[in-house]
């Protein structure tokens, strides 16, 4: 590792394969048996766990943690500070057939600070809002609002979380105007009928 770190500002494990034209940011670690395809862009200070696959042209921001066994297919964009839990899955085709060579790639966007739990499935064409949290095993079929906590199949909003990750003391079934404060880090949020925003 020390020899490679002297040559490059990032680390690639000897068992990983990274295309020559892939762009990798400084401080990023690409671990065992990863594959990064041509045209992919991975930001600075990211961590790709064992067996991660990054498809052609996939865009990944800075400080992203991608845990073991995840495939990011063409059409997926991941912004900064995202956590993708072990073995969660993205799709990129709404009408998959083995014999269809004219499929349409449907883009998916994971916005800044979002977290996706282990074994969750993200159906293509959705936006995961900033700092949202997708529960383990959830199947996301529609957009997830900022700061929302979603669970189940199909995934539904069951609450809201702070940027620190702790659940906010807010009754999601009774939207109201006003303010709420995180009991863990004291960050304050403004509540509106269909949105939650940082004050």
N, C-alpha and C. Protein backbone atom coordinates (compact mmCIF):
# COMPACT_ATOMS: atom_id res chain seq x y z
N UNK A 1 0.83 -1.20 0.00
CA UNK A 1 0.00 0.00 0.00
C UNK A 1 0.86 1.24 0.00
N UNK A 2 1.95 1.26 0.74
CA UNK A 2 2.76 2.46 0.84
C UNK A 2 3.36 2.84 -0.51
N UNK A 3 3.77 1.83 -1.32
CA UNK A 3 4.34 2.14 -2.63
C UNK A 3 3.32 2.79 -3.54
N UNK A 4 2.09 2.24 -3.59
CA UNK A 4 1.06 2.80 -4.46
C UNK A 4 0.63 4.18 -3.99
N UNK A 5 0.53 4.38 -2.68
CA UNK A 5 0.14 5.69 -2.15
C UNK A 5 1.18 6.75 -2.52
N UNK A 6 2.45 6.34 -2.67
CA UNK A 6 3.48 7.29 -3.08
C UNK A 6 3.29 7.73 -4.52
N UNK A 7 2.72 6.86 -5.36
CA UNK A 7 2.54 7.18 -6.78
C UNK A 7 1.22 7.87 -7.06
N UNK A 8 0.16 7.52 -6.33
CA UNK A 8 -1.17 8.05 -6.59
C UNK A 8 -1.74 8.65 -5.32
N UNK A 9 -2.62 9.64 -5.48
CA UNK A 9 -3.23 10.23 -4.28
C UNK A 9 -4.41 9.42 -3.76
N UNK A 10 -4.63 8.21 -4.32
CA UNK A 10 -5.71 7.33 -3.87
C UNK A 10 -5.17 5.90 -3.84
N UNK A 11 -5.93 4.98 -3.22
CA UNK A 11 -5.47 3.61 -3.08
C UNK A 11 -6.40 2.66 -3.83
N UNK A 12 -5.81 1.75 -4.59
CA UNK A 12 -6.56 0.68 -5.27
C UNK A 12 -5.95 -0.65 -4.85
N UNK A 13 -6.78 -1.52 -4.26
CA UNK A 13 -6.30 -2.84 -3.85
C UNK A 13 -5.84 -3.63 -5.07
N UNK A 14 -4.83 -4.46 -4.93
CA UNK A 14 -4.32 -5.23 -6.08
C UNK A 14 -5.35 -6.10 -6.79
N UNK A 15 -6.41 -6.51 -6.07
CA UNK A 15 -7.43 -7.35 -6.71
C UNK A 15 -8.51 -6.53 -7.42
N UNK A 16 -8.49 -5.21 -7.29
CA UNK A 16 -9.49 -4.36 -7.92
C UNK A 16 -9.08 -4.01 -9.35
N UNK A 17 -10.08 -3.68 -10.17
CA UNK A 17 -9.83 -3.26 -11.56
C UNK A 17 -10.42 -1.87 -11.75
N UNK A 18 -9.58 -0.92 -12.17
CA UNK A 18 -10.03 0.45 -12.40
C UNK A 18 -9.63 0.86 -13.81
N UNK A 19 -10.62 1.28 -14.62
CA UNK A 19 -10.35 1.69 -15.99
C UNK A 19 -9.37 2.86 -16.01
N UNK A 20 -8.53 2.88 -17.03
CA UNK A 20 -7.50 3.91 -17.12
C UNK A 20 -8.07 5.32 -17.17
N UNK A 21 -9.26 5.48 -17.75
CA UNK A 21 -9.83 6.83 -17.87
C UNK A 21 -10.83 7.16 -16.77
N UNK A 22 -10.99 6.28 -15.79
CA UNK A 22 -11.84 6.62 -14.64
C UNK A 22 -11.14 7.71 -13.84
N UNK A 23 -11.92 8.63 -13.29
CA UNK A 23 -11.36 9.73 -12.49
C UNK A 23 -11.60 9.41 -11.02
N UNK A 24 -10.53 9.36 -10.24
CA UNK A 24 -10.60 9.00 -8.83
C UNK A 24 -10.02 10.15 -8.01
N UNK A 25 -10.77 10.60 -7.00
CA UNK A 25 -10.32 11.71 -6.17
C UNK A 25 -9.30 11.30 -5.12
N UNK A 26 -8.58 12.30 -4.65
CA UNK A 26 -7.55 12.08 -3.64
C UNK A 26 -8.15 11.52 -2.35
N UNK A 27 -7.41 10.60 -1.73
CA UNK A 27 -7.83 10.05 -0.44
C UNK A 27 -8.87 8.96 -0.53
N UNK A 28 -9.24 8.55 -1.74
CA UNK A 28 -10.25 7.50 -1.92
C UNK A 28 -9.58 6.13 -1.83
N UNK A 29 -10.31 5.18 -1.21
CA UNK A 29 -9.84 3.80 -1.09
C UNK A 29 -10.79 2.88 -1.84
N UNK A 30 -10.23 2.08 -2.74
CA UNK A 30 -10.99 1.13 -3.54
C UNK A 30 -10.48 -0.26 -3.15
N UNK A 31 -11.34 -1.02 -2.46
CA UNK A 31 -10.87 -2.23 -1.81
C UNK A 31 -11.06 -3.49 -2.67
N UNK A 32 -10.97 -4.66 -2.03
CA UNK A 32 -10.88 -5.96 -2.68
C UNK A 32 -11.97 -6.17 -3.74
N UNK A 33 -11.55 -6.62 -4.92
CA UNK A 33 -12.43 -7.11 -5.98
C UNK A 33 -13.43 -6.07 -6.48
N UNK A 34 -13.12 -4.81 -6.34
CA UNK A 34 -13.97 -3.77 -6.94
C UNK A 34 -13.69 -3.67 -8.43
N UNK A 35 -14.67 -3.15 -9.16
CA UNK A 35 -14.48 -2.87 -10.59
C UNK A 35 -15.06 -1.50 -10.89
N UNK A 36 -14.22 -0.62 -11.44
CA UNK A 36 -14.63 0.73 -11.81
C UNK A 36 -14.46 0.86 -13.32
N UNK A 37 -15.57 1.12 -14.01
CA UNK A 37 -15.57 1.10 -15.47
C UNK A 37 -15.17 2.45 -16.09
N UNK A 38 -15.01 2.42 -17.38
CA UNK A 38 -14.59 3.59 -18.14
C UNK A 38 -15.54 4.76 -17.95
N UNK A 39 -14.99 5.95 -17.78
CA UNK A 39 -15.81 7.16 -17.68
C UNK A 39 -16.43 7.40 -16.33
N UNK A 40 -16.22 6.50 -15.38
CA UNK A 40 -16.76 6.71 -14.03
C UNK A 40 -15.96 7.81 -13.34
N UNK A 41 -16.64 8.56 -12.46
CA UNK A 41 -15.99 9.61 -11.67
C UNK A 41 -16.30 9.38 -10.20
N UNK A 42 -15.26 9.21 -9.42
CA UNK A 42 -15.40 8.99 -7.98
C UNK A 42 -14.66 10.13 -7.28
N UNK A 43 -15.33 10.79 -6.36
CA UNK A 43 -14.77 11.96 -5.71
C UNK A 43 -13.69 11.64 -4.69
N UNK A 44 -13.34 12.66 -3.91
CA UNK A 44 -12.27 12.55 -2.92
C UNK A 44 -12.78 11.90 -1.63
N UNK A 45 -11.87 11.20 -0.96
CA UNK A 45 -12.11 10.64 0.37
C UNK A 45 -13.32 9.70 0.43
N UNK A 46 -13.49 8.92 -0.63
CA UNK A 46 -14.55 7.91 -0.67
C UNK A 46 -13.98 6.56 -0.22
N UNK A 47 -14.89 5.66 0.16
CA UNK A 47 -14.49 4.30 0.52
C UNK A 47 -15.41 3.33 -0.20
N UNK A 48 -14.81 2.47 -1.04
CA UNK A 48 -15.55 1.44 -1.75
C UNK A 48 -15.18 0.10 -1.15
N UNK A 49 -16.16 -0.57 -0.52
CA UNK A 49 -15.91 -1.85 0.12
C UNK A 49 -15.74 -2.99 -0.87
N UNK A 50 -15.58 -4.17 -0.35
CA UNK A 50 -15.31 -5.36 -1.17
C UNK A 50 -16.44 -5.60 -2.17
N UNK A 51 -16.05 -5.85 -3.42
CA UNK A 51 -17.00 -6.27 -4.45
C UNK A 51 -17.90 -5.18 -4.99
N UNK A 52 -17.52 -3.93 -4.88
CA UNK A 52 -18.33 -2.84 -5.42
C UNK A 52 -18.08 -2.73 -6.93
N UNK A 53 -19.18 -2.53 -7.67
CA UNK A 53 -19.11 -2.35 -9.13
C UNK A 53 -19.62 -0.95 -9.47
N UNK A 54 -18.81 -0.17 -10.19
CA UNK A 54 -19.19 1.18 -10.63
C UNK A 54 -19.22 1.17 -12.15
N UNK A 55 -20.40 1.33 -12.71
CA UNK A 55 -20.62 1.17 -14.15
C UNK A 55 -20.11 2.38 -14.95
N UNK A 56 -20.19 2.26 -16.26
CA UNK A 56 -19.76 3.30 -17.19
C UNK A 56 -20.45 4.63 -16.86
N UNK A 57 -19.65 5.67 -16.69
CA UNK A 57 -20.20 7.01 -16.56
C UNK A 57 -20.88 7.34 -15.25
N UNK A 58 -20.86 6.45 -14.28
CA UNK A 58 -21.48 6.73 -12.98
C UNK A 58 -20.72 7.86 -12.28
N UNK A 59 -21.46 8.76 -11.64
CA UNK A 59 -20.88 9.92 -10.95
C UNK A 59 -21.07 9.74 -9.43
N UNK A 60 -19.98 9.83 -8.69
CA UNK A 60 -20.01 9.69 -7.24
C UNK A 60 -19.29 10.89 -6.64
N UNK A 61 -19.91 11.54 -5.66
CA UNK A 61 -19.35 12.75 -5.05
C UNK A 61 -18.24 12.44 -4.05
N UNK A 62 -17.96 13.42 -3.21
CA UNK A 62 -16.91 13.32 -2.20
C UNK A 62 -17.44 12.68 -0.91
N UNK A 63 -16.53 12.01 -0.19
CA UNK A 63 -16.82 11.46 1.15
C UNK A 63 -18.00 10.48 1.14
N UNK A 64 -18.09 9.70 0.09
CA UNK A 64 -19.16 8.71 -0.04
C UNK A 64 -18.65 7.36 0.46
N UNK A 65 -19.47 6.69 1.26
CA UNK A 65 -19.12 5.36 1.77
C UNK A 65 -20.03 4.34 1.10
N UNK A 66 -19.42 3.46 0.30
CA UNK A 66 -20.15 2.42 -0.43
C UNK A 66 -19.71 1.08 0.14
N UNK A 67 -20.60 0.44 0.87
CA UNK A 67 -20.21 -0.77 1.56
C UNK A 67 -20.26 -2.00 0.65
N UNK A 68 -19.92 -3.16 1.18
CA UNK A 68 -19.68 -4.37 0.38
C UNK A 68 -20.86 -4.77 -0.50
N UNK A 69 -20.50 -5.27 -1.70
CA UNK A 69 -21.46 -5.94 -2.57
C UNK A 69 -22.48 -5.05 -3.25
N UNK A 70 -22.13 -3.83 -3.58
CA UNK A 70 -23.08 -2.90 -4.21
C UNK A 70 -22.69 -2.66 -5.65
N UNK A 71 -23.68 -2.64 -6.55
CA UNK A 71 -23.48 -2.29 -7.95
C UNK A 71 -24.17 -0.97 -8.24
N UNK A 72 -23.41 -0.01 -8.74
CA UNK A 72 -23.95 1.28 -9.16
C UNK A 72 -23.97 1.27 -10.68
N UNK A 73 -25.17 1.11 -11.25
CA UNK A 73 -25.31 0.95 -12.68
C UNK A 73 -25.38 2.29 -13.40
N UNK A 74 -25.13 2.26 -14.69
CA UNK A 74 -25.18 3.47 -15.52
C UNK A 74 -26.51 4.18 -15.30
N UNK A 75 -26.43 5.50 -15.08
CA UNK A 75 -27.63 6.29 -14.79
C UNK A 75 -27.74 6.69 -13.34
N UNK A 76 -26.91 6.10 -12.47
CA UNK A 76 -26.93 6.46 -11.05
C UNK A 76 -25.96 7.60 -10.79
N UNK A 77 -26.45 8.62 -10.07
CA UNK A 77 -25.60 9.72 -9.61
C UNK A 77 -25.72 9.81 -8.10
N UNK A 78 -24.57 9.88 -7.43
CA UNK A 78 -24.52 9.93 -5.97
C UNK A 78 -23.79 11.22 -5.59
N UNK A 79 -24.46 12.08 -4.82
CA UNK A 79 -23.83 13.32 -4.39
C UNK A 79 -22.94 13.09 -3.17
N UNK A 80 -22.42 14.18 -2.59
CA UNK A 80 -21.48 14.11 -1.47
C UNK A 80 -22.10 13.51 -0.20
N UNK A 81 -21.25 12.91 0.63
CA UNK A 81 -21.58 12.50 2.00
C UNK A 81 -22.69 11.46 2.08
N UNK A 82 -22.83 10.64 1.07
CA UNK A 82 -23.85 9.59 1.04
C UNK A 82 -23.28 8.30 1.63
N UNK A 83 -24.13 7.55 2.34
CA UNK A 83 -23.77 6.22 2.81
C UNK A 83 -24.69 5.20 2.15
N UNK A 84 -24.09 4.20 1.51
CA UNK A 84 -24.84 3.10 0.88
C UNK A 84 -24.51 1.82 1.65
N UNK A 85 -25.52 1.25 2.33
CA UNK A 85 -25.32 0.10 3.20
C UNK A 85 -25.07 -1.18 2.43
N UNK A 86 -24.54 -2.20 3.11
CA UNK A 86 -24.14 -3.44 2.45
C UNK A 86 -25.25 -4.08 1.63
N UNK A 87 -24.91 -4.43 0.41
CA UNK A 87 -25.76 -5.21 -0.49
C UNK A 87 -27.07 -4.52 -0.87
N UNK A 88 -27.16 -3.20 -0.68
CA UNK A 88 -28.33 -2.51 -1.23
C UNK A 88 -28.22 -2.55 -2.76
N UNK A 89 -29.35 -2.34 -3.46
CA UNK A 89 -29.36 -2.52 -4.91
C UNK A 89 -29.99 -1.33 -5.62
N UNK A 90 -29.34 -0.92 -6.71
CA UNK A 90 -29.93 0.03 -7.65
C UNK A 90 -30.40 -0.73 -8.89
N UNK A 91 -31.42 -0.20 -9.56
CA UNK A 91 -31.80 -0.70 -10.88
C UNK A 91 -31.67 0.46 -11.87
N UNK A 92 -31.70 0.15 -13.17
CA UNK A 92 -31.67 1.25 -14.15
C UNK A 92 -32.58 1.00 -15.35
N UNK A 93 -33.44 -0.01 -15.27
CA UNK A 93 -34.34 -0.36 -16.37
C UNK A 93 -35.70 -0.72 -15.76
N UNK A 94 -36.74 -0.03 -16.18
CA UNK A 94 -38.08 -0.29 -15.62
C UNK A 94 -38.76 -1.51 -16.23
N UNK A 95 -38.33 -1.92 -17.41
CA UNK A 95 -38.98 -3.04 -18.11
C UNK A 95 -37.93 -4.05 -18.55
N UNK A 96 -37.27 -4.72 -17.61
CA UNK A 96 -36.13 -5.58 -17.95
C UNK A 96 -36.54 -6.88 -18.64
N UNK A 97 -35.84 -7.20 -19.69
CA UNK A 97 -35.92 -8.50 -20.36
C UNK A 97 -34.52 -8.87 -20.81
N UNK A 98 -34.16 -10.14 -20.70
CA UNK A 98 -32.84 -10.59 -21.11
C UNK A 98 -32.61 -10.38 -22.60
N UNK A 99 -33.69 -10.43 -23.39
CA UNK A 99 -33.55 -10.36 -24.85
C UNK A 99 -33.83 -8.97 -25.41
N UNK A 100 -34.04 -7.97 -24.56
CA UNK A 100 -34.33 -6.61 -25.02
C UNK A 100 -33.04 -5.82 -25.11
N UNK A 101 -32.60 -5.51 -26.34
CA UNK A 101 -31.37 -4.73 -26.50
C UNK A 101 -31.67 -3.25 -26.77
N UNK A 102 -32.92 -2.85 -26.62
CA UNK A 102 -33.29 -1.45 -26.83
C UNK A 102 -33.85 -0.83 -25.54
N UNK A 103 -33.34 -1.29 -24.40
CA UNK A 103 -33.85 -0.78 -23.13
C UNK A 103 -33.44 0.68 -22.93
N UNK A 104 -34.22 1.36 -22.10
CA UNK A 104 -33.95 2.76 -21.78
C UNK A 104 -33.41 2.86 -20.36
N UNK A 105 -32.25 3.50 -20.22
CA UNK A 105 -31.68 3.71 -18.89
C UNK A 105 -32.41 4.86 -18.21
N UNK A 106 -32.96 4.59 -17.04
CA UNK A 106 -33.72 5.57 -16.27
C UNK A 106 -32.83 6.07 -15.13
N UNK A 107 -32.54 7.38 -15.08
CA UNK A 107 -31.60 7.87 -14.06
C UNK A 107 -32.15 7.87 -12.65
N UNK A 108 -31.25 7.74 -11.69
CA UNK A 108 -31.56 7.80 -10.26
C UNK A 108 -30.58 8.78 -9.63
N UNK A 109 -31.09 9.62 -8.71
CA UNK A 109 -30.25 10.61 -8.04
C UNK A 109 -30.32 10.41 -6.53
N UNK A 110 -29.15 10.27 -5.91
CA UNK A 110 -29.05 10.18 -4.45
C UNK A 110 -28.41 11.49 -3.99
N UNK A 111 -29.18 12.32 -3.29
CA UNK A 111 -28.71 13.65 -2.95
C UNK A 111 -27.85 13.67 -1.68
N UNK A 112 -27.21 14.78 -1.48
CA UNK A 112 -26.22 14.97 -0.42
C UNK A 112 -26.70 14.46 0.94
N UNK A 113 -25.85 13.66 1.58
CA UNK A 113 -26.09 13.24 2.94
C UNK A 113 -27.07 12.11 3.14
N UNK A 114 -27.66 11.59 2.06
CA UNK A 114 -28.64 10.50 2.20
C UNK A 114 -27.96 9.22 2.69
N UNK A 115 -28.73 8.38 3.38
CA UNK A 115 -28.25 7.07 3.82
C UNK A 115 -29.23 6.00 3.37
N UNK A 116 -28.70 4.90 2.84
CA UNK A 116 -29.53 3.78 2.38
C UNK A 116 -29.10 2.54 3.15
N UNK A 117 -30.05 1.90 3.82
CA UNK A 117 -29.77 0.75 4.67
C UNK A 117 -29.44 -0.52 3.90
N UNK A 118 -28.90 -1.48 4.62
CA UNK A 118 -28.52 -2.77 4.05
C UNK A 118 -29.69 -3.45 3.35
N UNK A 119 -29.42 -4.02 2.18
CA UNK A 119 -30.38 -4.81 1.41
C UNK A 119 -31.59 -4.04 0.91
N UNK A 120 -31.57 -2.71 0.98
CA UNK A 120 -32.64 -1.93 0.38
C UNK A 120 -32.53 -1.98 -1.14
N UNK A 121 -33.66 -1.78 -1.82
CA UNK A 121 -33.67 -1.74 -3.29
C UNK A 121 -34.24 -0.40 -3.73
N UNK A 122 -33.51 0.27 -4.63
CA UNK A 122 -33.92 1.56 -5.15
C UNK A 122 -34.34 1.36 -6.61
N UNK A 123 -35.64 1.47 -6.88
CA UNK A 123 -36.13 1.33 -8.25
C UNK A 123 -35.75 2.59 -9.02
N UNK A 124 -35.26 2.45 -10.23
CA UNK A 124 -34.73 3.59 -10.98
C UNK A 124 -35.79 4.66 -11.24
N UNK A 125 -35.31 5.89 -11.44
CA UNK A 125 -36.18 7.00 -11.73
C UNK A 125 -36.57 7.82 -10.53
N UNK A 126 -36.04 7.48 -9.36
CA UNK A 126 -36.41 8.22 -8.15
C UNK A 126 -35.29 9.15 -7.73
N UNK A 127 -35.65 10.10 -6.86
CA UNK A 127 -34.70 10.99 -6.21
C UNK A 127 -34.77 10.72 -4.72
N UNK A 128 -33.63 10.42 -4.12
CA UNK A 128 -33.54 10.30 -2.67
C UNK A 128 -33.09 11.66 -2.15
N UNK A 129 -33.96 12.34 -1.41
CA UNK A 129 -33.69 13.70 -0.97
C UNK A 129 -32.52 13.81 0.00
N UNK A 130 -32.00 15.02 0.11
CA UNK A 130 -30.87 15.27 1.00
C UNK A 130 -31.16 14.80 2.42
N UNK A 131 -30.21 14.09 3.00
CA UNK A 131 -30.24 13.63 4.38
C UNK A 131 -31.41 12.71 4.71
N UNK A 132 -32.07 12.16 3.69
CA UNK A 132 -33.10 11.17 3.97
C UNK A 132 -32.43 9.88 4.45
N UNK A 133 -33.25 8.98 4.99
CA UNK A 133 -32.74 7.69 5.45
C UNK A 133 -33.69 6.60 4.99
N UNK A 134 -33.14 5.63 4.27
CA UNK A 134 -33.91 4.49 3.77
C UNK A 134 -33.60 3.30 4.66
N UNK A 135 -34.62 2.73 5.29
CA UNK A 135 -34.43 1.63 6.22
C UNK A 135 -33.94 0.36 5.53
N UNK A 136 -33.30 -0.50 6.30
CA UNK A 136 -32.80 -1.78 5.78
C UNK A 136 -33.93 -2.58 5.17
N UNK A 137 -33.68 -3.11 3.97
CA UNK A 137 -34.66 -3.96 3.29
C UNK A 137 -35.80 -3.24 2.62
N UNK A 138 -35.85 -1.92 2.69
CA UNK A 138 -36.94 -1.16 2.07
C UNK A 138 -36.85 -1.26 0.54
N UNK A 139 -38.00 -1.12 -0.12
CA UNK A 139 -38.06 -1.08 -1.58
C UNK A 139 -38.62 0.29 -1.97
N UNK A 140 -37.76 1.14 -2.50
CA UNK A 140 -38.14 2.52 -2.80
C UNK A 140 -38.62 2.61 -4.24
N UNK A 141 -39.88 3.01 -4.40
CA UNK A 141 -40.49 3.09 -5.73
C UNK A 141 -40.85 4.51 -6.13
N UNK A 142 -40.79 5.46 -5.18
CA UNK A 142 -41.12 6.86 -5.45
C UNK A 142 -40.08 7.75 -4.77
N UNK A 143 -40.06 9.03 -5.13
CA UNK A 143 -39.12 9.98 -4.54
C UNK A 143 -39.25 9.99 -3.02
N UNK A 144 -38.12 10.20 -2.35
CA UNK A 144 -38.09 10.30 -0.89
C UNK A 144 -37.78 11.75 -0.53
N UNK A 145 -38.63 12.40 0.29
CA UNK A 145 -38.39 13.80 0.65
C UNK A 145 -37.11 13.99 1.47
N UNK A 146 -36.60 15.21 1.47
CA UNK A 146 -35.46 15.53 2.32
C UNK A 146 -35.76 15.19 3.77
N UNK A 147 -34.78 14.62 4.46
CA UNK A 147 -34.84 14.29 5.89
C UNK A 147 -35.86 13.20 6.23
N UNK A 148 -36.55 12.65 5.26
CA UNK A 148 -37.57 11.64 5.56
C UNK A 148 -36.92 10.30 5.91
N UNK A 149 -37.58 9.56 6.79
CA UNK A 149 -37.23 8.18 7.10
C UNK A 149 -38.27 7.29 6.45
N UNK A 150 -37.83 6.40 5.56
CA UNK A 150 -38.78 5.52 4.87
C UNK A 150 -38.42 4.06 5.15
N UNK A 151 -39.46 3.23 5.31
CA UNK A 151 -39.26 1.79 5.53
C UNK A 151 -40.36 1.04 4.79
N UNK A 152 -40.14 -0.27 4.59
CA UNK A 152 -41.19 -1.13 4.06
C UNK A 152 -41.11 -1.38 2.58
N UNK A 153 -42.09 -2.17 2.09
CA UNK A 153 -42.21 -2.53 0.68
C UNK A 153 -43.67 -2.43 0.26
N UNK A 154 -44.01 -1.37 -0.51
CA UNK A 154 -43.13 -0.28 -0.94
C UNK A 154 -42.84 0.65 0.23
N UNK A 155 -41.72 1.36 0.13
CA UNK A 155 -41.29 2.24 1.22
C UNK A 155 -42.25 3.40 1.42
N UNK A 156 -42.54 3.70 2.69
CA UNK A 156 -43.38 4.83 3.06
C UNK A 156 -42.70 5.65 4.14
N UNK A 157 -43.04 6.94 4.19
CA UNK A 157 -42.49 7.82 5.22
C UNK A 157 -43.07 7.44 6.58
N UNK A 158 -42.18 7.21 7.56
CA UNK A 158 -42.62 6.90 8.92
C UNK A 158 -42.06 7.90 9.92
N UNK A 159 -41.36 8.90 9.45
CA UNK A 159 -40.80 9.91 10.34
C UNK A 159 -39.77 10.75 9.60
N UNK A 160 -39.06 11.55 10.38
CA UNK A 160 -38.02 12.41 9.83
C UNK A 160 -36.78 12.31 10.69
N UNK A 161 -35.61 12.51 10.08
CA UNK A 161 -34.34 12.41 10.78
C UNK A 161 -33.54 13.69 10.62
N UNK A 162 -32.69 13.94 11.58
CA UNK A 162 -31.79 15.09 11.54
C UNK A 162 -30.59 14.76 10.65
N UNK A 163 -29.80 15.77 10.32
CA UNK A 163 -28.56 15.53 9.58
C UNK A 163 -27.63 14.61 10.36
N UNK A 164 -27.71 14.63 11.69
CA UNK A 164 -26.85 13.77 12.50
C UNK A 164 -27.31 12.31 12.46
N UNK A 165 -28.50 12.06 11.92
CA UNK A 165 -29.01 10.69 11.78
C UNK A 165 -30.06 10.30 12.80
N UNK A 166 -30.22 11.10 13.84
CA UNK A 166 -31.19 10.76 14.89
C UNK A 166 -32.60 11.15 14.44
N UNK A 167 -33.57 10.37 14.90
CA UNK A 167 -34.97 10.62 14.55
C UNK A 167 -35.47 11.88 15.27
N UNK A 168 -36.21 12.71 14.51
CA UNK A 168 -36.79 13.92 15.09
C UNK A 168 -38.10 13.59 15.78
N UNK A 169 -38.37 14.28 16.88
CA UNK A 169 -39.61 14.10 17.62
C UNK A 169 -40.72 14.86 16.92
N UNK A 170 -41.28 14.23 15.90
CA UNK A 170 -42.25 14.89 15.03
C UNK A 170 -43.27 13.86 14.57
N UNK A 171 -44.54 14.15 14.74
CA UNK A 171 -45.59 13.24 14.30
C UNK A 171 -45.79 13.41 12.80
N UNK A 172 -45.25 12.48 12.02
CA UNK A 172 -45.31 12.60 10.57
C UNK A 172 -46.73 12.47 10.03
N UNK A 173 -47.66 11.94 10.81
CA UNK A 173 -49.04 11.78 10.35
C UNK A 173 -49.85 13.06 10.49
N UNK A 174 -49.31 14.02 11.24
CA UNK A 174 -50.04 15.28 11.46
C UNK A 174 -49.14 16.45 11.10
N UNK A 175 -48.99 16.72 9.80
CA UNK A 175 -48.13 17.84 9.40
C UNK A 175 -48.63 19.14 10.03
N UNK A 176 -47.68 19.93 10.49
CA UNK A 176 -48.04 21.21 11.09
C UNK A 176 -46.94 22.21 10.79
N UNK A 177 -47.29 23.48 10.78
CA UNK A 177 -46.28 24.51 10.63
C UNK A 177 -45.61 24.75 11.98
N UNK A 178 -44.36 25.19 11.94
CA UNK A 178 -43.67 25.47 13.18
C UNK A 178 -42.22 25.07 13.11
N UNK A 179 -41.63 24.77 14.27
CA UNK A 179 -40.22 24.42 14.34
C UNK A 179 -40.05 23.19 15.22
N UNK A 180 -38.98 22.44 14.96
CA UNK A 180 -38.63 21.29 15.77
C UNK A 180 -37.11 21.28 15.92
N UNK A 181 -36.63 20.83 17.09
CA UNK A 181 -35.20 20.79 17.36
C UNK A 181 -34.77 19.35 17.60
N UNK A 182 -33.62 18.99 17.07
CA UNK A 182 -33.07 17.65 17.30
C UNK A 182 -32.63 17.55 18.76
N UNK A 183 -33.07 16.51 19.44
CA UNK A 183 -32.72 16.34 20.85
C UNK A 183 -31.27 15.87 21.03
N UNK A 184 -30.64 15.46 19.94
CA UNK A 184 -29.27 14.95 20.02
C UNK A 184 -28.23 16.04 19.75
N UNK A 185 -28.45 16.85 18.69
CA UNK A 185 -27.42 17.84 18.31
C UNK A 185 -27.93 19.28 18.35
N UNK A 186 -29.22 19.47 18.66
CA UNK A 186 -29.83 20.80 18.80
C UNK A 186 -30.03 21.55 17.48
N UNK A 187 -29.81 20.89 16.35
CA UNK A 187 -30.10 21.56 15.07
C UNK A 187 -31.60 21.81 14.99
N UNK A 188 -31.98 22.99 14.48
CA UNK A 188 -33.39 23.35 14.40
C UNK A 188 -33.88 23.26 12.96
N UNK A 189 -35.16 22.86 12.82
CA UNK A 189 -35.79 22.70 11.51
C UNK A 189 -37.10 23.48 11.48
N UNK A 190 -37.42 23.97 10.30
CA UNK A 190 -38.72 24.61 10.08
C UNK A 190 -39.64 23.60 9.41
N UNK A 191 -40.84 23.45 9.93
CA UNK A 191 -41.81 22.51 9.39
C UNK A 191 -42.83 23.27 8.56
N UNK A 192 -43.04 22.79 7.35
CA UNK A 192 -44.08 23.32 6.49
C UNK A 192 -44.94 22.14 6.06
N UNK A 193 -46.12 22.39 5.48
CA UNK A 193 -47.03 21.27 5.19
C UNK A 193 -46.43 20.13 4.41
N UNK A 194 -45.51 20.40 3.51
CA UNK A 194 -44.96 19.29 2.70
C UNK A 194 -43.46 19.26 2.69
N UNK A 195 -42.81 19.93 3.64
CA UNK A 195 -41.35 19.99 3.62
C UNK A 195 -40.79 20.23 5.01
N UNK A 196 -39.51 19.89 5.15
CA UNK A 196 -38.78 20.13 6.36
C UNK A 196 -37.48 20.79 5.94
N UNK A 197 -37.09 21.91 6.56
CA UNK A 197 -35.87 22.59 6.15
C UNK A 197 -35.09 23.04 7.37
N UNK A 198 -33.77 23.15 7.22
CA UNK A 198 -32.90 23.60 8.30
C UNK A 198 -33.07 25.10 8.48
N UNK A 199 -33.14 25.55 9.75
CA UNK A 199 -33.21 26.98 10.03
C UNK A 199 -31.81 27.56 10.06
